[in-house]
């Protein structure tokens, strides 16, 4: 099992978008700068996210992207699957033809891992990740104040 750069970058970009969109549509150039992701790569990812109706674009001055659904309704699994990221730990891609004889001895193990992985990523929403990120930014200055006061 491996999560490629495509999946990681898509999730990162969607979290950034979620955190910025209260100010209006978010330009990909801004996400590109903040997250150090190539603009052309983001354009490819957002075309897929748009096709899967997770984001919508606004044209013209002040345009950009916005998340279409409520952040509680968008899971990490939704984002990863939208950018065609396979979440499959099996060698056969789930086709059960791992070997010439059919299933390999560990096919059920890897299939079970696939289910658990999708279940977990499906349970983590963009809202939860935004909240987690917001808490980190609030806690960091407090920790810095404690260490500088000593």
Protein backbone atom coordinates (compact mmCIF):
# COMPACT_ATOMS: atom_id res chain seq x y z
CA UNK A 1 0.00 0.00 0.00
CA UNK A 2 1.25 3.43 -0.80
CA UNK A 3 -0.27 6.84 -0.89
CA UNK A 4 1.40 8.79 -3.66
CA UNK A 5 2.19 12.47 -3.89
CA UNK A 6 -1.01 12.98 -5.85
CA UNK A 7 -3.19 11.92 -2.92
CA UNK A 8 -1.15 13.79 -0.32
CA UNK A 9 -1.07 16.99 -2.33
CA UNK A 10 -4.81 16.81 -3.06
CA UNK A 11 -5.64 16.46 0.64
CA UNK A 12 -3.21 19.24 1.59
CA UNK A 13 -4.64 21.57 -1.07
CA UNK A 14 -8.21 20.85 0.03
CA UNK A 15 -7.36 21.62 3.67
CA UNK A 16 -5.71 24.88 2.59
CA UNK A 17 -8.75 25.74 0.47
CA UNK A 18 -11.08 24.94 3.37
CA UNK A 19 -9.09 27.19 5.70
CA UNK A 20 -9.03 30.11 3.24
CA UNK A 21 -12.43 30.01 1.57
CA UNK A 22 -14.26 32.09 4.21
CA UNK A 23 -12.64 35.10 2.48
CA UNK A 24 -14.13 34.08 -0.89
CA UNK A 25 -12.90 31.95 -3.79
CA UNK A 26 -9.29 30.86 -3.37
CA UNK A 27 -6.77 31.14 -6.20
CA UNK A 28 -4.63 28.10 -6.91
CA UNK A 29 -1.59 30.39 -7.04
CA UNK A 30 -2.10 31.15 -3.35
CA UNK A 31 -2.37 27.46 -2.46
CA UNK A 32 0.70 26.82 -4.58
CA UNK A 33 2.73 29.39 -2.64
CA UNK A 34 1.50 28.44 0.83
CA UNK A 35 1.91 24.69 0.33
CA UNK A 36 4.87 24.68 -2.06
CA UNK A 37 3.01 22.65 -4.69
CA UNK A 38 3.49 23.28 -8.40
CA UNK A 39 0.69 25.40 -9.86
CA UNK A 40 0.40 23.18 -12.94
CA UNK A 41 0.12 20.11 -10.70
CA UNK A 42 -2.63 21.81 -8.66
CA UNK A 43 -4.49 22.65 -11.88
CA UNK A 44 -4.50 18.96 -12.81
CA UNK A 45 -5.68 17.92 -9.35
CA UNK A 46 -8.42 20.55 -9.19
CA UNK A 47 -9.73 19.55 -12.62
CA UNK A 48 -10.34 16.09 -11.16
CA UNK A 49 -11.76 17.45 -7.91
CA UNK A 50 -14.13 19.62 -9.93
CA UNK A 51 -15.17 16.67 -12.10
CA UNK A 52 -16.09 14.80 -8.91
CA UNK A 53 -18.08 17.83 -7.71
CA UNK A 54 -15.95 18.47 -4.62
CA UNK A 55 -14.96 21.97 -5.75
CA UNK A 56 -16.30 24.59 -8.11
CA UNK A 57 -14.48 27.39 -9.86
CA UNK A 58 -15.34 31.06 -10.02
CA UNK A 59 -14.02 32.94 -13.03
CA UNK A 60 -12.89 36.52 -13.33
CA UNK A 61 -11.22 38.97 -10.97
CA UNK A 62 -11.32 37.62 -7.45
CA UNK A 63 -12.02 34.18 -8.84
CA UNK A 64 -10.67 30.87 -7.71
CA UNK A 65 -12.01 27.69 -6.18
CA UNK A 66 -14.40 26.88 -3.40
CA UNK A 67 -15.51 23.64 -1.81
CA UNK A 68 -19.02 22.78 -2.92
CA UNK A 69 -20.16 20.66 0.03
CA UNK A 70 -20.19 21.21 3.77
CA UNK A 71 -16.75 20.38 5.19
CA UNK A 72 -18.37 17.70 7.38
CA UNK A 73 -19.53 15.95 4.21
CA UNK A 74 -16.13 15.69 2.51
CA UNK A 75 -13.84 12.91 3.69
CA UNK A 76 -10.18 12.32 3.00
CA UNK A 77 -11.22 9.19 1.09
CA UNK A 78 -13.47 11.33 -1.16
CA UNK A 79 -10.53 13.58 -2.04
CA UNK A 80 -8.06 10.77 -2.64
CA UNK A 81 -10.46 8.74 -4.76
CA UNK A 82 -11.42 11.85 -6.77
CA UNK A 83 -7.84 12.31 -7.96
CA UNK A 84 -7.71 8.66 -9.05
CA UNK A 85 -5.47 7.59 -6.22
CA UNK A 86 -5.80 3.82 -5.81
CA UNK A 87 -6.19 2.73 -2.22
CA UNK A 88 -5.24 -0.88 -2.73
CA UNK A 89 -2.70 -2.94 -0.82
CA UNK A 90 -3.28 -6.10 -2.85
CA UNK A 91 -0.84 -7.11 -5.52
CA UNK A 92 -3.65 -7.95 -7.93
CA UNK A 93 -5.69 -4.76 -7.66
CA UNK A 94 -8.53 -6.71 -6.04
CA UNK A 95 -8.98 -9.02 -9.03
CA UNK A 96 -8.00 -12.10 -7.01
CA UNK A 97 -5.54 -13.24 -9.69
CA UNK A 98 -2.43 -12.69 -7.58
CA UNK A 99 -0.80 -15.89 -8.83
CA UNK A 100 -1.31 -18.28 -11.72
CA UNK A 101 -3.45 -20.39 -9.40
CA UNK A 102 -5.64 -17.46 -8.30
CA UNK A 103 -5.50 -15.75 -4.93
CA UNK A 104 -2.21 -15.54 -3.09
CA UNK A 105 -2.01 -16.70 0.52
CA UNK A 106 -2.13 -13.14 1.85
CA UNK A 107 -4.89 -11.78 -0.42
CA UNK A 108 -7.49 -11.69 2.36
CA UNK A 109 -5.06 -9.88 4.67
CA UNK A 110 -4.42 -7.11 2.14
CA UNK A 111 -8.10 -6.90 1.17
CA UNK A 112 -8.98 -6.46 4.83
CA UNK A 113 -6.37 -3.70 5.11
CA UNK A 114 -7.96 -1.98 2.09
CA UNK A 115 -11.36 -2.02 3.80
CA UNK A 116 -9.94 -0.68 7.08
CA UNK A 117 -7.98 2.01 5.29
CA UNK A 118 -11.03 3.19 3.34
CA UNK A 119 -13.13 3.03 6.48
CA UNK A 120 -10.64 5.19 8.38
CA UNK A 121 -10.04 7.73 5.60
CA UNK A 122 -13.79 7.88 5.03
CA UNK A 123 -14.28 8.79 8.69
CA UNK A 124 -11.87 11.75 8.64
CA UNK A 125 -13.53 14.90 7.32
CA UNK A 126 -12.05 18.14 6.05
CA UNK A 127 -13.83 19.87 8.92
CA UNK A 128 -11.95 17.72 11.46
CA UNK A 129 -8.62 18.42 9.76
CA UNK A 130 -9.27 22.17 9.63
CA UNK A 131 -10.19 22.17 13.32
CA UNK A 132 -7.06 20.17 14.14
CA UNK A 133 -4.93 22.64 12.19
CA UNK A 134 -6.59 25.63 13.87
CA UNK A 135 -5.89 24.16 17.33
CA UNK A 136 -2.21 23.70 16.44
CA UNK A 137 -1.89 27.35 15.45
CA UNK A 138 -3.50 28.46 18.71
CA UNK A 139 -1.36 26.14 20.88
CA UNK A 140 2.00 27.00 19.25
CA UNK A 141 2.11 30.64 20.42
CA UNK A 142 1.16 29.53 23.93
CA UNK A 143 4.04 27.02 23.96
CA UNK A 144 6.43 29.66 22.60
CA UNK A 145 5.41 32.04 25.40
CA UNK A 146 6.09 29.34 27.99
CA UNK A 147 9.56 28.56 26.64
CA UNK A 148 10.60 32.19 26.29
CA UNK A 149 9.36 33.06 29.80
CA UNK A 150 11.73 30.55 31.41
